[in-house]
């Protein structure tokens, strides 16, 4: 185990190091519903990260993306997220069948602030929802309905520090490993890297919707 100087184990010690004084708005900005600002932000959002937890405590974080506004604000307490074709692992769905608690992080490209939402989620199959969320004539089989319990905007400090939206600070595209390289490193199959990459490329071209 990693040896450290101090293991923070109480709220009291945490707040001694990170006091709340001077951060009034940080704690007062939380809403139990989606206001007009949240609705507008979600309407501009093409990307959301969804966190769920299994009964064993393992956390899963899954990215979801579609054209801007793909997450439907049904009302100020309800969100609907269509489920698109994927890899059929459905880790998040498995988790939600065991624990309905869910957290969402909405990200708008080029925007520093993010929107955080938390609540309870359920997996649904509904013809009307599927029809509303069809893309290129393809209807989602399932959808995630989130009952909102908490929502608030998060500041842009992480985006500023990471220079996330500054292309001149991005690493060379081919310098970072790919999913195909991960498969070759972890899966015992008699395929070359090129064959695995071809499979993934074909999947991207034919199974997005």
Protein backbone atom coordinates (compact mmCIF):
# COMPACT_ATOMS: atom_id res chain seq x y z
CA UNK A 1 0.00 0.00 0.00
CA UNK A 2 1.13 3.52 -0.76
CA UNK A 3 2.65 5.24 2.27
CA UNK A 4 1.38 8.80 2.85
CA UNK A 5 1.84 11.47 5.51
CA UNK A 6 -1.81 11.65 6.49
CA UNK A 7 -4.99 9.74 5.67
CA UNK A 8 -7.98 12.08 6.01
CA UNK A 9 -10.71 10.09 7.78
CA UNK A 10 -13.19 12.58 9.25
CA UNK A 11 -15.33 15.41 7.93
CA UNK A 12 -13.97 17.61 10.70
CA UNK A 13 -10.39 17.16 9.52
CA UNK A 14 -11.41 17.63 5.89
CA UNK A 15 -13.10 20.92 6.70
CA UNK A 16 -10.15 22.01 8.80
CA UNK A 17 -8.04 21.76 5.66
CA UNK A 18 -10.73 22.94 3.23
CA UNK A 19 -12.99 25.35 5.14
CA UNK A 20 -16.37 26.53 3.84
CA UNK A 21 -15.90 30.19 4.72
CA UNK A 22 -16.05 32.47 1.69
CA UNK A 23 -17.84 29.94 -0.52
CA UNK A 24 -21.47 30.82 0.24
CA UNK A 25 -22.74 30.55 -3.35
CA UNK A 26 -21.10 27.15 -3.75
CA UNK A 27 -23.42 25.66 -1.17
CA UNK A 28 -26.55 27.71 -1.90
CA UNK A 29 -26.61 27.13 -5.67
CA UNK A 30 -28.00 23.57 -5.47
CA UNK A 31 -31.57 23.10 -6.74
CA UNK A 32 -33.87 20.11 -6.37
CA UNK A 33 -35.20 20.60 -9.90
CA UNK A 34 -34.21 21.76 -13.40
CA UNK A 35 -34.69 25.49 -13.88
CA UNK A 36 -34.64 27.40 -17.18
CA UNK A 37 -30.84 27.73 -17.05
CA UNK A 38 -30.45 23.96 -16.75
CA UNK A 39 -32.95 23.37 -19.55
CA UNK A 40 -31.04 25.69 -21.88
CA UNK A 41 -27.69 24.12 -21.01
CA UNK A 42 -29.01 20.59 -21.66
CA UNK A 43 -30.49 21.75 -24.97
CA UNK A 44 -26.97 22.74 -26.08
CA UNK A 45 -25.33 19.59 -24.74
CA UNK A 46 -24.22 16.74 -27.06
CA UNK A 47 -22.34 14.81 -24.37
CA UNK A 48 -23.13 13.53 -20.89
CA UNK A 49 -21.21 11.29 -18.51
CA UNK A 50 -23.31 8.91 -16.39
CA UNK A 51 -22.11 7.44 -13.09
CA UNK A 52 -23.74 4.39 -11.47
CA UNK A 53 -22.83 2.03 -8.63
CA UNK A 54 -23.13 -1.73 -8.34
CA UNK A 55 -24.40 -3.49 -5.21
CA UNK A 56 -20.76 -4.44 -4.53
CA UNK A 57 -19.81 -0.76 -4.52
CA UNK A 58 -17.89 -0.60 -7.80
CA UNK A 59 -18.51 2.66 -9.66
CA UNK A 60 -19.07 2.76 -13.42
CA UNK A 61 -18.75 5.93 -15.48
CA UNK A 62 -20.15 5.82 -19.00
CA UNK A 63 -20.07 8.53 -21.72
CA UNK A 64 -23.16 9.15 -23.85
CA UNK A 65 -23.24 11.33 -26.93
CA UNK A 66 -25.65 12.35 -29.67
CA UNK A 67 -26.70 15.57 -31.44
CA UNK A 68 -27.06 18.54 -29.11
CA UNK A 69 -30.20 18.35 -27.01
CA UNK A 70 -30.54 14.57 -27.26
CA UNK A 71 -31.32 14.40 -23.55
CA UNK A 72 -34.99 15.29 -23.20
CA UNK A 73 -36.10 17.52 -20.34
CA UNK A 74 -39.58 16.04 -19.89
CA UNK A 75 -40.36 18.34 -16.97
CA UNK A 76 -38.42 20.10 -14.21
CA UNK A 77 -37.94 16.82 -12.31
CA UNK A 78 -37.50 14.34 -15.17
CA UNK A 79 -34.87 13.63 -17.83
CA UNK A 80 -35.06 11.04 -20.62
CA UNK A 81 -31.85 9.67 -22.18
CA UNK A 82 -32.20 7.40 -25.24
CA UNK A 83 -30.01 4.29 -25.27
CA UNK A 84 -28.13 3.89 -28.54
CA UNK A 85 -26.47 0.81 -29.99
CA UNK A 86 -23.31 -0.03 -28.05
CA UNK A 87 -21.10 -2.90 -27.00
CA UNK A 88 -23.83 -4.71 -25.02
CA UNK A 89 -21.83 -4.61 -21.78
CA UNK A 90 -24.64 -2.48 -20.25
CA UNK A 91 -22.63 -2.05 -17.05
CA UNK A 92 -24.62 1.02 -16.07
CA UNK A 93 -27.96 -0.69 -16.66
CA UNK A 94 -26.86 -3.68 -14.58
CA UNK A 95 -25.89 -1.31 -11.78
CA UNK A 96 -29.19 0.57 -11.90
CA UNK A 97 -31.12 -2.67 -11.49
CA UNK A 98 -29.26 -3.07 -8.19
CA UNK A 99 -28.98 0.57 -7.13
CA UNK A 100 -31.08 3.32 -8.80
CA UNK A 101 -28.82 6.19 -7.71
CA UNK A 102 -27.28 8.01 -10.66
CA UNK A 103 -25.15 11.10 -11.30
CA UNK A 104 -24.82 12.99 -14.58
CA UNK A 105 -22.23 15.48 -15.84
CA UNK A 106 -23.33 17.52 -18.87
CA UNK A 107 -20.57 18.98 -21.05
CA UNK A 108 -20.91 21.52 -23.87
CA UNK A 109 -17.88 21.71 -26.23
CA UNK A 110 -15.96 24.95 -25.88
CA UNK A 111 -17.86 25.86 -22.69
CA UNK A 112 -16.02 26.02 -19.39
CA UNK A 113 -18.92 25.38 -17.03
CA UNK A 114 -20.63 22.02 -16.59
CA UNK A 115 -24.01 20.94 -15.22
CA UNK A 116 -24.23 18.27 -12.53
CA UNK A 117 -27.44 16.34 -11.90
CA UNK A 118 -28.13 13.53 -9.43
CA UNK A 119 -31.18 11.45 -8.69
CA UNK A 120 -32.78 8.05 -9.24
CA UNK A 121 -32.94 6.31 -12.62
CA UNK A 122 -35.00 3.55 -14.20
CA UNK A 123 -34.69 1.66 -17.47
CA UNK A 124 -37.83 1.89 -19.61
CA UNK A 125 -39.19 0.61 -22.90
CA UNK A 126 -41.82 2.94 -24.32
CA UNK A 127 -43.02 3.34 -27.92
CA UNK A 128 -43.71 7.07 -27.64
CA UNK A 129 -40.27 7.80 -26.17
CA UNK A 130 -38.55 5.65 -28.80
CA UNK A 131 -40.39 7.45 -31.60
CA UNK A 132 -39.46 10.90 -30.24
CA UNK A 133 -35.80 9.95 -30.04
CA UNK A 134 -35.39 8.27 -33.43
CA UNK A 135 -32.32 9.32 -35.44
CA UNK A 136 -31.97 8.47 -39.13
CA UNK A 137 -35.12 6.42 -38.80
CA UNK A 138 -33.59 4.25 -36.03
CA UNK A 139 -35.50 4.17 -32.75
CA UNK A 140 -33.76 3.33 -29.47
CA UNK A 141 -35.00 0.11 -27.89
CA UNK A 142 -34.62 1.41 -24.33
CA UNK A 143 -34.29 4.71 -22.52
CA UNK A 144 -33.08 5.91 -19.15
CA UNK A 145 -35.53 8.02 -17.15
CA UNK A 146 -33.90 10.09 -14.42
CA UNK A 147 -35.93 11.48 -11.55
CA UNK A 148 -33.97 14.60 -10.58
CA UNK A 149 -33.15 15.22 -6.92
CA UNK A 150 -30.24 17.64 -7.23
CA UNK A 151 -28.89 19.97 -9.92
CA UNK A 152 -26.27 22.69 -10.04
CA UNK A 153 -23.76 24.32 -12.36
CA UNK A 154 -20.07 23.65 -11.77
CA UNK A 155 -17.33 26.23 -12.32
CA UNK A 156 -14.81 26.11 -15.17
CA UNK A 157 -11.57 25.74 -13.20
CA UNK A 158 -10.91 22.18 -14.39
CA UNK A 159 -11.47 23.15 -18.02
CA UNK A 160 -9.17 26.16 -17.66
CA UNK A 161 -6.37 24.18 -16.00
CA UNK A 162 -6.59 21.30 -18.48
CA UNK A 163 -6.82 23.60 -21.53
CA UNK A 164 -9.40 21.10 -22.75
CA UNK A 165 -10.86 23.35 -25.43
CA UNK A 166 -7.53 24.65 -26.76
CA UNK A 167 -6.58 22.58 -29.85
CA UNK A 168 -3.01 23.87 -29.77
CA UNK A 169 -2.59 22.15 -26.38
CA UNK A 170 -3.94 18.78 -27.54
CA UNK A 171 -1.49 15.88 -27.86
CA UNK A 172 -0.86 14.44 -31.31
CA UNK A 173 -3.86 12.24 -32.12
CA UNK A 174 -1.80 9.12 -32.84
CA UNK A 175 0.32 9.46 -29.70
CA UNK A 176 -2.43 8.17 -27.41
CA UNK A 177 -3.31 4.44 -27.39
CA UNK A 178 -6.50 3.25 -29.10
CA UNK A 179 -9.24 0.83 -28.08
CA UNK A 180 -7.82 -1.63 -30.60
CA UNK A 181 -4.45 -1.53 -28.82
CA UNK A 182 -6.22 -2.18 -25.52
CA UNK A 183 -7.97 -5.22 -26.99
CA UNK A 184 -4.69 -6.63 -28.30
CA UNK A 185 -3.08 -6.13 -24.88
CA UNK A 186 -5.89 -7.73 -22.85
CA UNK A 187 -7.87 -10.17 -24.99
CA UNK A 188 -6.44 -13.56 -25.95
CA UNK A 189 -7.48 -13.67 -29.61
CA UNK A 190 -5.58 -14.46 -32.78
CA UNK A 191 -6.10 -11.10 -34.46
CA UNK A 192 -3.65 -8.49 -35.58
CA UNK A 193 -3.92 -4.87 -34.47
CA UNK A 194 -5.02 -3.92 -37.98
CA UNK A 195 -7.80 -6.53 -37.96
CA UNK A 196 -9.14 -5.33 -34.62
CA UNK A 197 -9.01 -1.71 -35.77
CA UNK A 198 -10.85 -2.65 -38.98
CA UNK A 199 -13.58 -4.30 -36.88
CA UNK A 200 -13.97 -1.16 -34.78
CA UNK A 201 -14.00 1.11 -37.80
CA UNK A 202 -16.71 -1.01 -39.45
CA UNK A 203 -18.72 -0.86 -36.22
CA UNK A 204 -18.46 2.93 -36.15
CA UNK A 205 -19.61 3.18 -39.75
CA UNK A 206 -22.58 0.81 -39.49
CA UNK A 207 -23.87 0.67 -35.88
CA UNK A 208 -24.04 4.24 -34.56
CA UNK A 209 -27.86 4.12 -34.90
